[in-house]
């Protein structure tokens, strides 16, 4: 890449947030296509794969804010372990407060068979979704992994609470 070429990456958590936001918005487009009956399972898998990558990047942005850098891992539960205890507790409380869940969240979770998962169960359930589902199966069919989409909501929400300027600066729209 030329020295005066486009900026590809910096050590700024804002960059990670923006990347995550783009993947999250792509996941919503896939969900809208699937809901309109444009296509079936490929849109579901693509949507959740983009959502899982968005979640990973949101978590890495949080870790970068707290520690100055993030680990080169993809597992959701392991990334959460890198957050401070206060941040983990805040995420857990937000996740486990059922009155905060929207109807869309509840419906999506019920369709996926994730009705009463607690925070730790959701992390383990969603642990490797991105790693497992990011490539189409090379041979035959692959069992679709589970992913809890509500994790992305609470993580993004906490990031925006801690960085209110991002919401204004990037014209962030709510998911619901």
Protein backbone atom coordinates (compact mmCIF):
# COMPACT_ATOMS: atom_id res chain seq x y z
CA UNK A 1 0.00 0.00 0.00
CA UNK A 2 1.30 3.44 -0.84
CA UNK A 3 2.25 5.75 2.00
CA UNK A 4 -0.50 8.16 1.01
CA UNK A 5 -3.10 5.42 0.47
CA UNK A 6 -6.33 5.04 2.42
CA UNK A 7 -6.24 4.52 6.15
CA UNK A 8 -7.00 0.86 6.77
CA UNK A 9 -6.72 0.59 10.54
CA UNK A 10 -5.68 2.58 13.54
CA UNK A 11 -5.48 1.98 17.27
CA UNK A 12 -8.64 4.00 17.73
CA UNK A 13 -11.67 2.15 19.17
CA UNK A 14 -13.85 4.42 17.03
CA UNK A 15 -12.60 2.60 13.92
CA UNK A 16 -13.57 -0.75 15.41
CA UNK A 17 -16.96 0.64 16.38
CA UNK A 18 -17.57 1.85 12.81
CA UNK A 19 -16.55 -1.50 11.33
CA UNK A 20 -18.81 -3.28 13.81
CA UNK A 21 -21.67 -0.94 12.98
CA UNK A 22 -21.33 -1.70 9.26
CA UNK A 23 -21.43 -5.45 9.88
CA UNK A 24 -24.41 -5.00 12.22
CA UNK A 25 -26.30 -3.01 9.60
CA UNK A 26 -25.53 -5.67 6.99
CA UNK A 27 -26.96 -8.31 9.33
CA UNK A 28 -30.18 -6.28 9.52
CA UNK A 29 -30.42 -6.12 5.72
CA UNK A 30 -30.13 -9.92 5.60
CA UNK A 31 -32.86 -10.23 8.22
CA UNK A 32 -35.13 -7.89 6.25
CA UNK A 33 -34.59 -9.90 3.05
CA UNK A 34 -35.35 -13.14 4.87
CA UNK A 35 -38.46 -11.64 6.53
CA UNK A 36 -39.81 -10.53 3.14
CA UNK A 37 -39.38 -14.05 1.83
CA UNK A 38 -36.72 -13.03 -0.69
CA UNK A 39 -34.55 -15.93 0.40
CA UNK A 40 -34.37 -18.50 3.11
CA UNK A 41 -31.57 -19.98 5.13
CA UNK A 42 -28.62 -18.34 3.36
CA UNK A 43 -29.89 -14.94 4.53
CA UNK A 44 -30.31 -16.21 8.08
CA UNK A 45 -26.77 -17.59 8.17
CA UNK A 46 -25.33 -14.49 6.49
CA UNK A 47 -27.22 -12.21 8.85
CA UNK A 48 -26.08 -13.97 11.99
CA UNK A 49 -22.51 -14.29 10.69
CA UNK A 50 -22.37 -10.53 10.17
CA UNK A 51 -23.96 -9.98 13.59
CA UNK A 52 -21.41 -12.29 15.24
CA UNK A 53 -18.53 -10.39 13.63
CA UNK A 54 -20.11 -7.09 14.70
CA UNK A 55 -20.34 -8.39 18.27
CA UNK A 56 -16.68 -9.42 18.19
CA UNK A 57 -15.64 -5.96 16.98
CA UNK A 58 -17.86 -4.15 19.52
CA UNK A 59 -16.22 -6.21 22.28
CA UNK A 60 -12.74 -5.49 20.90
CA UNK A 61 -13.54 -1.76 20.84
CA UNK A 62 -14.50 -1.99 24.53
CA UNK A 63 -11.36 -3.94 25.35
CA UNK A 64 -9.24 -1.43 23.46
CA UNK A 65 -10.79 1.41 25.47
CA UNK A 66 -10.09 -0.37 28.74
CA UNK A 67 -6.67 -1.88 28.00
CA UNK A 68 -5.24 -0.02 25.01
CA UNK A 69 -5.21 -3.12 22.79
CA UNK A 70 -7.23 -6.27 22.22
CA UNK A 71 -6.30 -9.96 21.93
CA UNK A 72 -6.11 -11.75 18.59
CA UNK A 73 -8.95 -14.15 19.38
CA UNK A 74 -12.48 -14.58 18.05
CA UNK A 75 -14.28 -16.52 20.80
CA UNK A 76 -16.99 -14.31 22.27
CA UNK A 77 -16.80 -15.70 25.81
CA UNK A 78 -13.01 -15.33 25.89
CA UNK A 79 -13.23 -11.73 24.67
CA UNK A 80 -15.68 -10.90 27.46
CA UNK A 81 -13.13 -12.28 29.93
CA UNK A 82 -10.73 -9.51 28.83
CA UNK A 83 -13.18 -6.81 29.93
CA UNK A 84 -12.97 -5.32 33.40
CA UNK A 85 -15.11 -6.93 36.05
CA UNK A 86 -17.35 -3.83 36.16
CA UNK A 87 -17.95 -3.98 32.41
CA UNK A 88 -18.70 -7.72 32.49
CA UNK A 89 -21.18 -7.15 35.31
CA UNK A 90 -22.81 -4.26 33.45
CA UNK A 91 -23.21 -6.39 30.30
CA UNK A 92 -24.61 -9.28 32.33
CA UNK A 93 -27.15 -7.07 34.10
CA UNK A 94 -28.27 -5.51 30.82
CA UNK A 95 -28.58 -8.94 29.20
CA UNK A 96 -30.52 -10.53 32.04
CA UNK A 97 -33.02 -7.69 32.51
CA UNK A 98 -35.94 -9.17 30.55
CA UNK A 99 -38.06 -6.01 30.49
CA UNK A 100 -35.46 -4.40 28.23
CA UNK A 101 -35.86 -6.97 25.49
CA UNK A 102 -37.90 -5.88 22.52
CA UNK A 103 -40.53 -8.04 20.91
CA UNK A 104 -38.16 -8.62 17.96
CA UNK A 105 -35.45 -9.85 20.34
CA UNK A 106 -37.85 -12.22 22.09
CA UNK A 107 -39.21 -13.56 18.80
CA UNK A 108 -35.73 -14.11 17.36
CA UNK A 109 -34.58 -15.85 20.52
CA UNK A 110 -37.66 -18.11 20.59
CA UNK A 111 -37.16 -19.12 16.94
CA UNK A 112 -33.58 -20.05 17.78
CA UNK A 113 -34.58 -22.02 20.86
CA UNK A 114 -32.82 -19.55 23.16
CA UNK A 115 -35.58 -18.70 25.57
CA UNK A 116 -34.17 -18.72 29.07
CA UNK A 117 -30.42 -18.55 28.56
CA UNK A 118 -28.48 -16.60 31.13
CA UNK A 119 -25.55 -14.39 30.14
CA UNK A 120 -22.87 -17.06 30.57
CA UNK A 121 -24.92 -19.62 28.61
CA UNK A 122 -25.48 -17.12 25.80
CA UNK A 123 -21.74 -16.40 25.60
CA UNK A 124 -20.89 -20.09 25.37
CA UNK A 125 -23.70 -20.74 22.91
CA UNK A 126 -22.50 -17.91 20.63
CA UNK A 127 -18.80 -18.53 21.28
CA UNK A 128 -17.65 -19.71 17.86
CA UNK A 129 -20.46 -18.73 15.53
CA UNK A 130 -18.34 -16.41 13.41
CA UNK A 131 -15.43 -18.86 13.17
CA UNK A 132 -17.68 -21.77 12.29
CA UNK A 133 -20.08 -20.08 9.88
CA UNK A 134 -17.96 -17.47 8.09
CA UNK A 135 -17.33 -19.67 5.04
CA UNK A 136 -19.92 -21.62 3.08
CA UNK A 137 -19.53 -25.35 3.63
CA UNK A 138 -16.91 -26.75 1.30
CA UNK A 139 -18.27 -30.27 1.42
CA UNK A 140 -21.83 -31.22 2.11
CA UNK A 141 -24.06 -29.63 4.69
CA UNK A 142 -22.90 -28.10 7.91
CA UNK A 143 -24.86 -28.00 11.13
CA UNK A 144 -25.80 -24.40 11.81
CA UNK A 145 -24.43 -23.14 15.09
CA UNK A 146 -26.49 -21.07 17.48
CA UNK A 147 -26.04 -17.37 18.09
CA UNK A 148 -27.88 -15.13 20.54
CA UNK A 149 -28.58 -11.84 18.73
CA UNK A 150 -29.48 -10.08 21.96
CA UNK A 151 -25.79 -10.02 22.94
CA UNK A 152 -25.11 -7.54 20.16
CA UNK A 153 -27.84 -5.20 21.41
CA UNK A 154 -26.59 -4.94 24.97
CA UNK A 155 -22.93 -4.63 23.92
CA UNK A 156 -23.63 -1.86 21.42
CA UNK A 157 -25.91 -0.10 23.91
CA UNK A 158 -23.20 -0.07 26.57
CA UNK A 159 -20.61 1.22 24.07
CA UNK A 160 -22.91 4.11 23.13
CA UNK A 161 -23.67 4.93 26.76
CA UNK A 162 -19.94 5.14 27.42
CA UNK A 163 -19.29 7.08 24.20
CA UNK A 164 -22.29 9.38 23.68
CA UNK A 165 -20.50 11.40 21.02
CA UNK A 166 -20.44 8.35 18.72
CA UNK A 167 -24.23 8.26 18.54
CA UNK A 168 -24.37 11.90 17.46
CA UNK A 169 -21.26 11.82 15.28
CA UNK A 170 -22.25 8.75 13.28
CA UNK A 171 -26.05 9.21 13.25
CA UNK A 172 -26.55 5.85 14.89
CA UNK A 173 -30.03 4.47 14.46
CA UNK A 174 -31.58 2.07 16.97
CA UNK A 175 -32.02 -1.57 15.97
CA UNK A 176 -35.61 -1.83 17.08
